Protein backbone atom coordinates (compact mmCIF):
# COMPACT_ATOMS: atom_id res chain seq x y z
CA MET A 1 0.00 0.00 0.00
CA SER A 2 1.33 3.48 -0.84
CA GLU A 3 1.72 6.04 1.94
CA LEU A 4 -1.56 7.68 2.85
CA LEU A 5 -1.87 11.44 2.54
CA LEU A 6 -5.17 11.82 4.38
CA GLU A 7 -6.80 9.41 6.84
CA VAL A 8 -10.32 9.85 8.18
CA ARG A 9 -11.01 7.48 11.04
CA ASP A 10 -14.45 6.79 12.56
CA ILE A 11 -15.60 10.38 12.10
CA HIS A 12 -18.93 11.37 13.68
CA VAL A 13 -20.39 14.86 13.25
CA ARG A 14 -23.63 15.74 15.02
CA PHE A 15 -25.84 18.80 14.99
CA GLN A 16 -28.57 19.80 17.40
CA GLY A 17 -31.91 19.65 15.64
CA ARG A 18 -35.34 20.92 16.54
CA LYS A 19 -36.86 19.95 19.90
CA GLY A 20 -33.55 18.53 21.09
CA ALA A 21 -33.18 15.94 18.34
CA VAL A 22 -29.61 15.20 17.25
CA ALA A 23 -28.82 14.96 13.54
CA ARG A 24 -26.09 12.40 12.82
CA ALA A 25 -24.78 14.15 9.71
CA VAL A 26 -21.65 12.00 9.52
CA ASP A 27 -22.03 8.72 11.33
CA GLY A 28 -18.83 6.72 11.51
CA VAL A 29 -16.84 7.31 8.31
CA ASP A 30 -13.42 5.91 7.39
CA LEU A 31 -11.77 7.31 4.28
CA ASP A 32 -8.26 7.46 2.82
CA VAL A 33 -6.70 9.66 0.15
CA ARG A 34 -3.32 8.80 -1.38
CA PRO A 35 -0.83 11.28 -2.83
CA GLY A 36 -1.63 12.26 -6.40
CA GLU A 37 -4.98 10.48 -6.67
CA VAL A 38 -8.49 11.73 -7.36
CA LEU A 39 -11.10 10.33 -4.99
CA ALA A 40 -14.77 11.12 -5.65
CA LEU A 41 -17.19 11.23 -2.72
CA VAL A 42 -20.63 10.63 -4.25
CA GLY A 43 -24.15 10.80 -2.85
CA GLU A 44 -27.50 12.56 -2.88
CA SER A 45 -27.98 16.00 -1.37
CA GLY A 46 -28.22 15.71 2.40
CA CYS A 47 -26.15 12.53 2.68
CA GLY A 48 -23.42 14.28 4.72
CA LYS A 49 -20.71 14.57 2.08
CA THR A 50 -20.29 18.36 2.37
CA THR A 51 -20.22 18.11 6.16
CA LEU A 52 -17.51 15.47 5.86
CA ALA A 53 -15.55 17.76 3.51
CA ARG A 54 -15.84 20.64 5.98
CA THR A 55 -14.63 18.34 8.75
CA ILE A 56 -11.63 17.32 6.67
CA LEU A 57 -10.83 21.03 6.25
CA GLY A 58 -11.10 21.63 9.98
CA LEU A 59 -14.22 23.80 9.59
CA GLU A 60 -16.28 21.34 11.64
CA ARG A 61 -14.93 19.60 14.72
CA PRO A 62 -16.03 15.96 14.99
CA ALA A 63 -17.82 14.67 18.04
CA GLN A 64 -15.82 11.47 17.66
CA GLY A 65 -13.00 10.20 15.48
CA GLU A 66 -9.88 11.69 13.98
CA VAL A 67 -8.54 13.31 10.82
CA ARG A 68 -4.87 12.58 10.12
CA PHE A 69 -2.67 14.26 7.50
CA ARG A 70 0.69 12.72 6.66
CA GLY A 71 0.22 10.52 9.73
CA LEU A 72 -0.30 13.43 12.14
CA PRO A 73 -3.66 14.16 13.80
CA LEU A 74 -5.40 17.41 12.94
CA GLU A 75 -5.16 19.91 15.80
CA TYR A 76 -7.74 22.66 16.18
CA ASP A 77 -5.78 25.59 17.56
CA ASN A 78 -5.39 28.54 15.18
CA ALA A 79 -1.68 28.06 14.48
CA SER A 80 -2.11 24.35 13.66
CA LEU A 81 -5.10 25.01 11.41
CA ARG A 82 -3.18 27.71 9.54
CA ARG A 83 -0.29 25.32 8.86
CA TYR A 84 -2.69 22.57 7.85
CA ARG A 85 -4.61 24.77 5.41
CA ARG A 86 -1.43 25.62 3.57
CA GLN A 87 -1.39 21.94 2.57
CA VAL A 88 -5.15 21.34 2.26
CA GLN A 89 -7.15 23.85 0.22
CA MET A 90 -10.82 24.17 -0.74
CA VAL A 91 -12.38 24.76 -4.16
CA PHE A 92 -15.89 26.03 -3.58
CA GLN A 93 -19.03 25.18 -5.51
CA ASP A 94 -20.05 28.75 -6.36
CA PRO A 95 -17.14 30.89 -7.60
CA SER A 96 -19.26 34.04 -7.50
CA GLY A 97 -19.90 33.54 -3.79
CA ALA A 98 -16.31 32.52 -3.08
CA LEU A 99 -14.77 35.67 -4.59
CA ASN A 100 -14.97 39.09 -2.99
CA PRO A 101 -16.49 41.39 -5.64
CA ARG A 102 -14.41 44.28 -4.30
CA GLN A 103 -11.12 42.48 -4.82
CA THR A 104 -9.29 42.26 -8.12
CA ILE A 105 -8.35 38.84 -9.40
CA TYR A 106 -4.77 39.53 -8.36
CA GLU A 107 -5.83 40.30 -4.80
CA ALA A 108 -8.10 37.24 -4.65
CA VAL A 109 -5.27 34.90 -5.64
CA ALA A 110 -2.65 36.66 -3.51
CA GLU A 111 -4.83 36.59 -0.39
CA GLY A 112 -3.74 33.09 0.64
CA LEU A 113 -0.08 34.01 0.29
CA ARG A 114 -0.61 36.99 2.58
CA ILE A 115 -2.58 35.04 5.18
CA GLN A 116 0.10 32.35 5.24
CA LYS A 117 2.88 34.99 5.17
CA VAL A 118 4.63 33.26 2.29
CA ALA A 119 7.96 34.86 1.45
CA GLY A 120 9.21 35.46 -2.07
CA ASP A 121 7.99 37.14 -5.23
CA GLU A 122 4.23 37.47 -4.78
CA VAL A 123 3.59 38.70 -8.31
CA ALA A 124 5.47 35.77 -9.83
CA ARG A 125 3.58 33.26 -7.68
CA VAL A 126 0.21 34.76 -8.60
CA ALA A 127 1.12 34.85 -12.29
CA ASP A 128 2.22 31.21 -12.21
CA ALA A 129 -1.01 30.14 -10.44
CA LEU A 130 -3.17 31.98 -12.95
CA SER A 131 -1.25 30.48 -15.86
CA ARG A 132 -1.63 26.95 -14.45
CA ALA A 133 -5.35 27.61 -14.11
CA GLY A 134 -5.54 28.51 -17.81
CA LEU A 135 -5.86 32.29 -17.42
CA ARG A 136 -3.22 33.46 -19.89
CA PRO A 137 -1.59 35.85 -20.15
CA PRO A 138 -2.00 36.35 -16.38
CA GLU A 139 -1.21 40.07 -16.62
CA ARG A 140 -4.45 40.55 -18.55
CA PHE A 141 -6.57 39.06 -15.75
CA MET A 142 -4.78 40.46 -12.68
CA PRO A 143 -6.43 43.91 -12.65
CA LEU A 144 -9.93 42.66 -13.49
CA TYR A 145 -12.77 42.19 -11.01
CA PRO A 146 -14.82 38.96 -10.79
CA TYR A 147 -17.84 40.50 -12.56
CA GLU A 148 -15.63 41.25 -15.56
CA VAL A 149 -14.94 37.59 -16.37
CA SER A 150 -17.13 34.58 -17.18
CA GLY A 151 -18.35 31.95 -14.71
CA GLY A 152 -15.81 29.42 -15.96
CA GLN A 153 -13.01 31.98 -15.61
CA ARG A 154 -14.16 32.78 -12.07
CA GLN A 155 -13.88 29.11 -11.18
CA ARG A 156 -10.36 29.12 -12.63
CA VAL A 157 -9.56 32.09 -10.36
CA VAL A 158 -10.81 30.10 -7.35
CA ILE A 159 -8.63 27.15 -8.39
CA ALA A 160 -5.64 29.48 -8.86
CA GLY A 161 -6.23 30.90 -5.38
CA ALA A 162 -6.10 27.38 -3.94
CA MET A 163 -3.09 26.25 -5.99
CA VAL A 164 -0.97 29.37 -5.33
CA LEU A 165 -0.03 27.83 -1.96
CA GLN A 166 1.11 24.62 -3.69
CA PRO A 167 -1.06 22.37 -1.49
CA GLU A 168 -0.89 18.59 -1.41
CA LEU A 169 -4.67 18.13 -1.31
CA LEU A 170 -7.60 19.99 -2.89
CA VAL A 171 -11.10 19.45 -1.54
CA ALA A 172 -13.47 20.38 -4.37
CA ASP A 173 -17.14 20.64 -3.39
CA GLU A 174 -19.33 20.26 -6.50
CA PRO A 175 -16.68 22.15 -8.52
CA VAL A 176 -18.65 22.34 -11.79
CA SER A 177 -22.31 22.19 -10.72
CA SER A 178 -22.84 25.95 -11.06
CA LEU A 179 -21.20 26.12 -14.51
CA ASP A 180 -22.63 25.84 -17.99
CA ALA A 181 -22.33 22.40 -19.55
CA SER A 182 -20.02 23.85 -22.20
CA VAL A 183 -17.29 24.68 -19.67
CA ARG A 184 -17.66 21.81 -17.20
CA GLY A 185 -15.42 19.54 -19.24
CA GLU A 186 -12.75 22.24 -19.43
CA ILE A 187 -12.64 22.65 -15.65
CA LEU A 188 -12.46 18.88 -15.13
CA GLN A 189 -9.60 18.65 -17.62
CA LEU A 190 -7.85 21.49 -15.80
CA MET A 191 -8.12 19.61 -12.50
CA LEU A 192 -6.70 16.46 -14.05
CA ARG A 193 -3.80 18.47 -15.54
CA LEU A 194 -3.04 19.88 -12.10
CA VAL A 195 -2.81 16.33 -10.73
CA GLN A 196 -0.46 15.30 -13.54
CA ASP A 197 1.68 18.46 -13.42
CA THR A 198 1.93 19.08 -9.67
CA GLY A 199 1.06 15.75 -8.00
CA VAL A 200 -1.74 17.33 -5.97
CA ALA A 201 -4.42 14.93 -4.73
CA ILE A 202 -8.09 15.90 -5.12
CA LEU A 203 -11.14 14.89 -3.10
CA VAL A 204 -14.12 15.70 -5.33
CA VAL A 205 -17.49 15.97 -3.58
CA THR A 206 -20.34 15.44 -6.05
CA HIS A 207 -23.87 14.10 -6.47
CA ASP A 208 -23.01 13.13 -10.06
CA LEU A 209 -21.65 9.62 -10.55
CA GLY A 210 -21.11 10.46 -14.21
CA LEU A 211 -18.70 13.23 -13.23
CA ALA A 212 -16.88 10.81 -10.93
CA TRP A 213 -16.59 8.39 -13.83
CA ASN A 214 -14.73 11.04 -15.85
CA ILE A 215 -12.28 12.25 -13.23
CA ALA A 216 -11.79 9.83 -10.33
CA ASP A 217 -9.34 7.02 -9.65
CA ARG A 218 -11.50 5.76 -6.80
CA ILE A 219 -15.09 6.38 -5.70
CA ALA A 220 -16.68 6.33 -2.25
CA VAL A 221 -20.49 6.30 -2.21
CA MET A 222 -22.13 7.93 0.81
CA TYR A 223 -25.68 7.48 2.08
CA LEU A 224 -27.20 9.02 5.21
CA GLY A 225 -23.87 9.71 6.93
CA ARG A 226 -22.09 6.48 6.01
CA ILE A 227 -19.88 5.13 3.23
CA VAL A 228 -21.88 2.26 1.73
CA GLU A 229 -19.51 1.28 -1.10
CA GLN A 230 -16.00 2.16 -2.19
CA GLY A 231 -13.44 0.94 -4.69
CA THR A 232 -11.70 1.84 -7.91
CA THR A 233 -13.78 3.66 -10.49
CA GLU A 234 -13.63 0.64 -12.80
CA GLU A 235 -14.84 -1.73 -10.07
CA LEU A 236 -17.78 0.42 -9.03
CA LEU A 237 -18.88 1.14 -12.58
CA ASP A 238 -18.37 -2.38 -13.94
CA ASP A 239 -19.56 -4.30 -10.89
CA PRO A 240 -21.54 -2.13 -8.42
CA ARG A 241 -22.45 -4.21 -5.37
CA HIS A 242 -24.62 -1.95 -3.23
CA PRO A 243 -28.21 -1.37 -4.46
CA TYR A 244 -27.83 2.37 -3.79
CA THR A 245 -24.76 2.52 -6.06
CA ARG A 246 -26.66 0.63 -8.74
CA ALA A 247 -29.55 3.09 -8.50
CA LEU A 248 -27.20 6.09 -8.84
CA LEU A 249 -25.39 4.45 -11.74
CA SER A 250 -28.59 3.49 -13.57
CA VAL A 251 -29.41 7.14 -14.33
CA VAL A 252 -25.97 7.97 -15.78
CA PRO A 253 -26.60 8.41 -19.54
CA GLU A 254 -23.36 6.69 -20.53
CA VAL A 255 -24.41 3.46 -18.79
CA GLU A 256 -26.76 1.92 -21.34
CA ARG A 257 -26.67 -1.65 -20.08
CA MET A 258 -28.41 -0.91 -16.77
CA GLN A 259 -32.15 -0.69 -16.27
CA THR A 260 -33.14 2.63 -14.69
CA GLN A 261 -33.97 2.29 -10.99
CA ILE A 262 -36.05 5.06 -9.46
CA LEU A 263 -35.59 5.20 -5.71
CA GLN A 264 -38.81 5.55 -3.75
CA GLY A 265 -39.15 8.47 -1.35
CA GLU A 266 -36.56 10.85 0.02
CA ALA A 267 -33.51 10.04 2.13
CA PRO A 268 -34.60 9.77 5.78
CA ASP A 269 -34.13 12.56 8.29
CA PRO A 270 -30.65 12.19 9.90
CA THR A 271 -32.32 12.74 13.29
CA ARG A 272 -34.31 9.54 12.71
CA ILE A 273 -31.98 7.06 11.06
CA PRO A 274 -33.80 3.76 10.42
CA PRO A 275 -32.76 0.63 12.36
CA GLY A 276 -30.79 -2.04 10.58
CA CYS A 277 -29.47 -1.09 7.17
CA ARG A 278 -30.22 2.62 6.85
CA PHE A 279 -31.02 2.13 3.15
CA HIS A 280 -33.61 -0.62 3.68
CA PRO A 281 -36.75 1.64 3.53
CA ARG A 282 -35.79 2.58 -0.07
CA CYS A 283 -33.98 -0.59 -1.11
CA PRO A 284 -35.30 -2.28 -4.28
CA LEU A 285 -34.18 -5.67 -2.93
CA VAL A 286 -36.46 -5.23 0.09
CA SER A 287 -39.44 -3.78 -1.78
CA SER A 288 -39.28 -6.48 -4.47
CA GLY A 289 -39.23 -9.31 -1.91
CA GLU A 290 -35.72 -10.41 -2.91
CA THR A 291 -34.37 -10.11 0.64
CA ALA A 292 -37.27 -12.25 1.92
CA ARG A 293 -36.49 -14.88 -0.73
CA LEU A 294 -32.84 -14.85 0.36
CA ALA A 295 -33.94 -15.14 4.03
CA ILE A 296 -32.04 -12.00 5.04
CA GLU A 297 -34.90 -9.52 5.47
CA GLU A 298 -34.68 -9.60 9.27
CA ARG A 299 -30.98 -8.75 9.06
CA CYS A 300 -31.66 -5.90 6.63
CA THR A 301 -34.27 -4.35 8.90
CA GLY A 302 -32.55 -5.07 12.23
CA GLU A 303 -28.77 -5.32 11.80
CA ASP A 304 -26.58 -2.40 10.72
CA PRO A 305 -24.17 -3.73 8.04
CA SER A 306 -20.51 -2.77 8.04
CA LEU A 307 -18.26 -2.36 5.02
CA HIS A 308 -16.73 -5.66 3.99
CA ASP A 309 -14.45 -6.72 1.16
CA VAL A 310 -16.34 -7.88 -1.91
CA GLY A 311 -13.34 -9.01 -3.92
CA GLY A 312 -11.59 -5.96 -5.36
CA ALA A 313 -9.02 -6.72 -8.03
CA ALA A 314 -6.84 -3.62 -7.62
CA ALA A 315 -3.61 -4.14 -5.71
CA GLU A 316 -3.86 -0.87 -3.73
CA SER A 317 -7.62 -0.73 -3.25
CA VAL A 318 -10.29 -2.74 -1.53
CA HIS A 319 -13.70 -2.97 -3.17
CA ALA A 320 -16.04 -2.92 -0.18
CA ALA A 321 -19.78 -2.64 0.32
CA ALA A 322 -22.10 -2.40 3.33
CA CYS A 323 -24.93 -4.69 2.27
CA HIS A 324 -26.19 -7.95 3.79
CA ALA A 325 -27.18 -9.27 0.34
CA VAL A 326 -23.68 -9.15 -1.18
CA PRO A 327 -22.18 -12.21 0.56
CA VAL A 328 -25.39 -14.16 -0.09
CA PHE A 329 -25.22 -13.38 -3.81
CA GLN A 330 -21.51 -14.28 -3.83
CA ALA A 331 -22.17 -17.60 -2.11
CA THR A 332 -24.95 -18.53 -4.51
CA GLY A 333 -22.97 -17.42 -7.56
């Protein structure tokens, strides 16, 4: 196994809900990111993936568990967080909201250097970051304000602002969802070029399994605060094991071989997580009677499944799923 860049261990994040109820937004997550890889964290809105990303950045403090970077635990004092965020940077979903309209593009990109008190030629660093982000010549863009450039160019400015510090990890929360379809591919290609040219690792948070297909080395699928399946992109797309993953994959236009599965209802309230498998109220295997036929329905409705190896082929990755039906299907061939 290659050295791990980021380790998330048994992370729990809770929020106080109405009338004293506690929302278990992240409910026992383990996750690894290796140097120079792209890991996609995929799931519906409300599944906890953005909260997990904020916890990885140190913006949320977990009630339980630990975030480790290069083997060292994340500390929450101001000095430690400042050092950590020089290595771990965020790319926000909405570039218009992320950029101060009163700052020029130069000031927006240079801001991180000033906060981190980075020595050296500031102008040269900003110019290099803008060039890497595809804003060339950089001198043309430096004096402009965000409203003077397009949405795709604003997202490139946000990426330049993150990359100017030469981080080891980017956390990108829905990095192309606010952009026109015509520029989404360009931004994804830019992110892949950054990985190839600089060795930066990227954790991409997205609801779109099709996007993950195009950019990720590995995929982790999240449902109601938990990782329910993870593995290499090829493994999850060629042989999805969890019924939730299959449902997400069935609506990706490129996947023609799969019958579309429409999930019934909305994801449950995280203050009232169902007993047993948290997916069972929406699971097609339960509603179709398949779990009853396999004699595992009581386990599905009463026993919380853990992630277990389902036979990944990749040397540095385990294909794992949290589903009681998987070992039964494997045993019966």
